[in-house]
Amino acid sequence: MRLKTSPNAFKTSYISEVKKELGLLKKRKKLRKTKTPEHLKPFIRQAIKKLGNNATYKEIQRKALELYQENISKEIEVFFGMFKTSDEKFVEEVAEDEGIQE
């Protein structure tokens, strides 16, 4: 799993799709080329709820990244406890390993 480190990881098309699902945007007939990954939707929803309906896409991107990073740091703490090691770098390497499937 590759960690998200930039607000641009939360594409504006992802935000639009989530806003449409929440009923905040008018429906379009045009189909979207990219679908929002399911694991990112909760972070975008939380960001919209915390910032309000009038938040800009940039603000939503930043807040969603912040929420995502908080969640990942909690997951790393869980890994840390699971492996029972004092080597935090080892735990971070395991969490960032792309070969490990979710």
C-alpha atoms as a PDB file:
ATOM      1  CA  MET A   1       0.000   0.000   0.000  1.00  0.00           C
ATOM      2  CA  ARG A   2       1.461   3.313  -1.047  1.00  0.00           C
ATOM      3  CA  LEU A   3       0.890   6.169   1.380  1.00  0.00           C
ATOM      4  CA  LYS A   4      -0.762   9.348   0.134  1.00  0.00           C
ATOM      5  CA  THR A   5       1.422  12.370   0.791  1.00  0.00           C
ATOM      6  CA  SER A   6      -0.160  15.007  -1.448  1.00  0.00           C
ATOM      7  CA  PRO A   7      -3.641  16.555  -1.460  1.00  0.00           C
ATOM      8  CA  ASN A   8      -3.630  15.923  -5.219  1.00  0.00           C
ATOM      9  CA  ALA A   9      -4.058  12.209  -4.471  1.00  0.00           C
ATOM     10  CA  PHE A  10      -7.696  13.126  -3.816  1.00  0.00           C
ATOM     11  CA  LYS A  11      -8.643  14.085  -7.363  1.00  0.00           C
ATOM     12  CA  THR A  12     -11.352  16.659  -7.947  1.00  0.00           C
ATOM     13  CA  SER A  13     -13.269  14.050  -9.935  1.00  0.00           C
ATOM     14  CA  TYR A  14     -13.329  11.875  -6.795  1.00  0.00           C
ATOM     15  CA  ILE A  15     -14.707  14.789  -4.789  1.00  0.00           C
ATOM     16  CA  SER A  16     -17.339  15.470  -7.456  1.00  0.00           C
ATOM     17  CA  GLU A  17     -18.476  11.850  -7.396  1.00  0.00           C
ATOM     18  CA  VAL A  18     -18.813  11.834  -3.611  1.00  0.00           C
ATOM     19  CA  LYS A  19     -20.652  15.187  -3.662  1.00  0.00           C
ATOM     20  CA  LYS A  20     -23.027  13.757  -6.259  1.00  0.00           C
ATOM     21  CA  GLU A  21     -23.648  10.712  -4.031  1.00  0.00           C
ATOM     22  CA  LEU A  22     -24.385  13.047  -1.099  1.00  0.00           C
ATOM     23  CA  GLY A  23     -26.833  15.019  -3.255  1.00  0.00           C
ATOM     24  CA  LEU A  24     -24.745  18.193  -3.245  1.00  0.00           C
ATOM     25  CA  LEU A  25     -24.309  18.349  -7.034  1.00  0.00           C
ATOM     26  CA  LYS A  26     -26.806  18.135  -9.845  1.00  0.00           C
ATOM     27  CA  LYS A  27     -26.730  14.877 -11.711  1.00  0.00           C
ATOM     28  CA  ARG A  28     -24.890  14.814 -15.016  1.00  0.00           C
ATOM     29  CA  LYS A  29     -25.635  12.554 -17.923  1.00  0.00           C
ATOM     30  CA  LYS A  30     -21.945  12.312 -18.761  1.00  0.00           C
ATOM     31  CA  LEU A  31     -20.300   9.204 -17.328  1.00  0.00           C
ATOM     32  CA  ARG A  32     -17.113   9.617 -15.347  1.00  0.00           C
ATOM     33  CA  LYS A  33     -13.983   8.033 -16.740  1.00  0.00           C
ATOM     34  CA  THR A  34     -12.434   7.411 -13.336  1.00  0.00           C
ATOM     35  CA  LYS A  35     -14.228   5.942 -10.362  1.00  0.00           C
ATOM     36  CA  THR A  36     -13.434   6.940  -6.816  1.00  0.00           C
ATOM     37  CA  PRO A  37     -11.590   4.152  -4.966  1.00  0.00           C
ATOM     38  CA  GLU A  38     -13.805   2.833  -2.182  1.00  0.00           C
ATOM     39  CA  HIS A  39     -11.079   3.243   0.465  1.00  0.00           C
ATOM     40  CA  LEU A  40     -10.880   7.020  -0.220  1.00  0.00           C
ATOM     41  CA  LYS A  41     -14.614   7.792  -0.154  1.00  0.00           C
ATOM     42  CA  PRO A  42     -14.964   7.861   3.671  1.00  0.00           C
ATOM     43  CA  PHE A  43     -12.174  10.438   3.977  1.00  0.00           C
ATOM     44  CA  ILE A  44     -13.746  12.683   1.353  1.00  0.00           C
ATOM     45  CA  ARG A  45     -17.180  12.367   3.015  1.00  0.00           C
ATOM     46  CA  GLN A  46     -15.727  13.264   6.416  1.00  0.00           C
ATOM     47  CA  ALA A  47     -13.877  16.247   4.949  1.00  0.00           C
ATOM     48  CA  ILE A  48     -17.056  17.562   3.311  1.00  0.00           C
ATOM     49  CA  LYS A  49     -19.030  17.128   6.536  1.00  0.00           C
ATOM     50  CA  LYS A  50     -16.380  18.873   8.639  1.00  0.00           C
ATOM     51  CA  LEU A  51     -15.837  21.774   6.234  1.00  0.00           C
ATOM     52  CA  GLY A  52     -19.422  22.251   5.076  1.00  0.00           C
ATOM     53  CA  ASN A  53     -21.060  22.245   1.665  1.00  0.00           C
ATOM     54  CA  ASN A  54     -19.472  25.507   0.532  1.00  0.00           C
ATOM     55  CA  ALA A  55     -15.860  24.379   0.951  1.00  0.00           C
ATOM     56  CA  THR A  56     -13.601  24.619  -2.080  1.00  0.00           C
ATOM     57  CA  TYR A  57     -12.174  21.523  -3.708  1.00  0.00           C
ATOM     58  CA  LYS A  58      -8.676  22.478  -2.496  1.00  0.00           C
ATOM     59  CA  GLU A  59      -9.901  22.718   1.097  1.00  0.00           C
ATOM     60  CA  ILE A  60     -11.617  19.345   0.792  1.00  0.00           C
ATOM     61  CA  GLN A  61      -8.458  17.811  -0.699  1.00  0.00           C
ATOM     62  CA  ARG A  62      -6.317  19.098   2.175  1.00  0.00           C
ATOM     63  CA  LYS A  63      -8.769  17.994   4.878  1.00  0.00           C
ATOM     64  CA  ALA A  64      -9.240  14.548   3.285  1.00  0.00           C
ATOM     65  CA  LEU A  65      -5.457  14.078   3.186  1.00  0.00           C
ATOM     66  CA  GLU A  66      -5.197  15.134   6.832  1.00  0.00           C
ATOM     67  CA  LEU A  67      -7.909  12.627   7.836  1.00  0.00           C
ATOM     68  CA  TYR A  68      -6.256   9.923   5.735  1.00  0.00           C
ATOM     69  CA  GLN A  69      -2.858  10.498   7.343  1.00  0.00           C
ATOM     70  CA  GLU A  70      -4.370  10.408  10.853  1.00  0.00           C
ATOM     71  CA  ASN A  71      -5.972   7.072  10.021  1.00  0.00           C
ATOM     72  CA  ILE A  72      -2.755   5.643   8.565  1.00  0.00           C
ATOM     73  CA  SER A  73      -0.761   6.654  11.649  1.00  0.00           C
ATOM     74  CA  LYS A  74      -3.310   4.757  13.776  1.00  0.00           C
ATOM     75  CA  GLU A  75      -2.905   1.711  11.521  1.00  0.00           C
ATOM     76  CA  ILE A  76       0.874   1.889  11.913  1.00  0.00           C
ATOM     77  CA  GLU A  77       0.404   1.925  15.704  1.00  0.00           C
ATOM     78  CA  VAL A  78      -1.725  -1.217  15.364  1.00  0.00           C
ATOM     79  CA  PHE A  79       1.022  -2.853  13.285  1.00  0.00           C
ATOM     80  CA  PHE A  80       3.541  -1.767  15.883  1.00  0.00           C
ATOM     81  CA  GLY A  81       1.563  -3.533  18.600  1.00  0.00           C
ATOM     82  CA  MET A  82       0.942  -6.598  16.449  1.00  0.00           C
ATOM     83  CA  PHE A  83       4.633  -7.224  15.720  1.00  0.00           C
ATOM     84  CA  LYS A  84       5.748  -6.384  19.252  1.00  0.00           C
ATOM     85  CA  THR A  85       8.937  -4.745  18.120  1.00  0.00           C
ATOM     86  CA  SER A  86      10.570  -1.522  19.178  1.00  0.00           C
ATOM     87  CA  ASP A  87      11.874  -0.844  15.664  1.00  0.00           C
ATOM     88  CA  GLU A  88       9.442   1.737  14.261  1.00  0.00           C
ATOM     89  CA  LYS A  89      11.241   1.829  10.886  1.00  0.00           C
ATOM     90  CA  PHE A  90      10.526  -1.869  10.408  1.00  0.00           C
ATOM     91  CA  VAL A  91       6.841  -1.262  11.046  1.00  0.00           C
ATOM     92  CA  GLU A  92       6.728   1.661   8.598  1.00  0.00           C
ATOM     93  CA  GLU A  93       8.484  -0.427   5.930  1.00  0.00           C
ATOM     94  CA  VAL A  94       5.908  -3.183   6.362  1.00  0.00           C
ATOM     95  CA  ALA A  95       3.038  -0.678   6.146  1.00  0.00           C
ATOM     96  CA  GLU A  96       4.442   0.888   2.980  1.00  0.00           C
ATOM     97  CA  ASP A  97       5.264  -2.419   1.270  1.00  0.00           C
ATOM     98  CA  GLU A  98       3.422  -2.513  -2.044  1.00  0.00           C
ATOM     99  CA  GLY A  99       3.644  -6.315  -2.159  1.00  0.00           C
ATOM    100  CA  ILE A 100       1.250  -6.646   0.749  1.00  0.00           C
ATOM    101  CA  GLN A 101      -2.345  -6.766  -0.418  1.00  0.00           C
ATOM    102  CA  GLU A 102      -5.138  -5.142   1.595  1.00  0.00           C
END
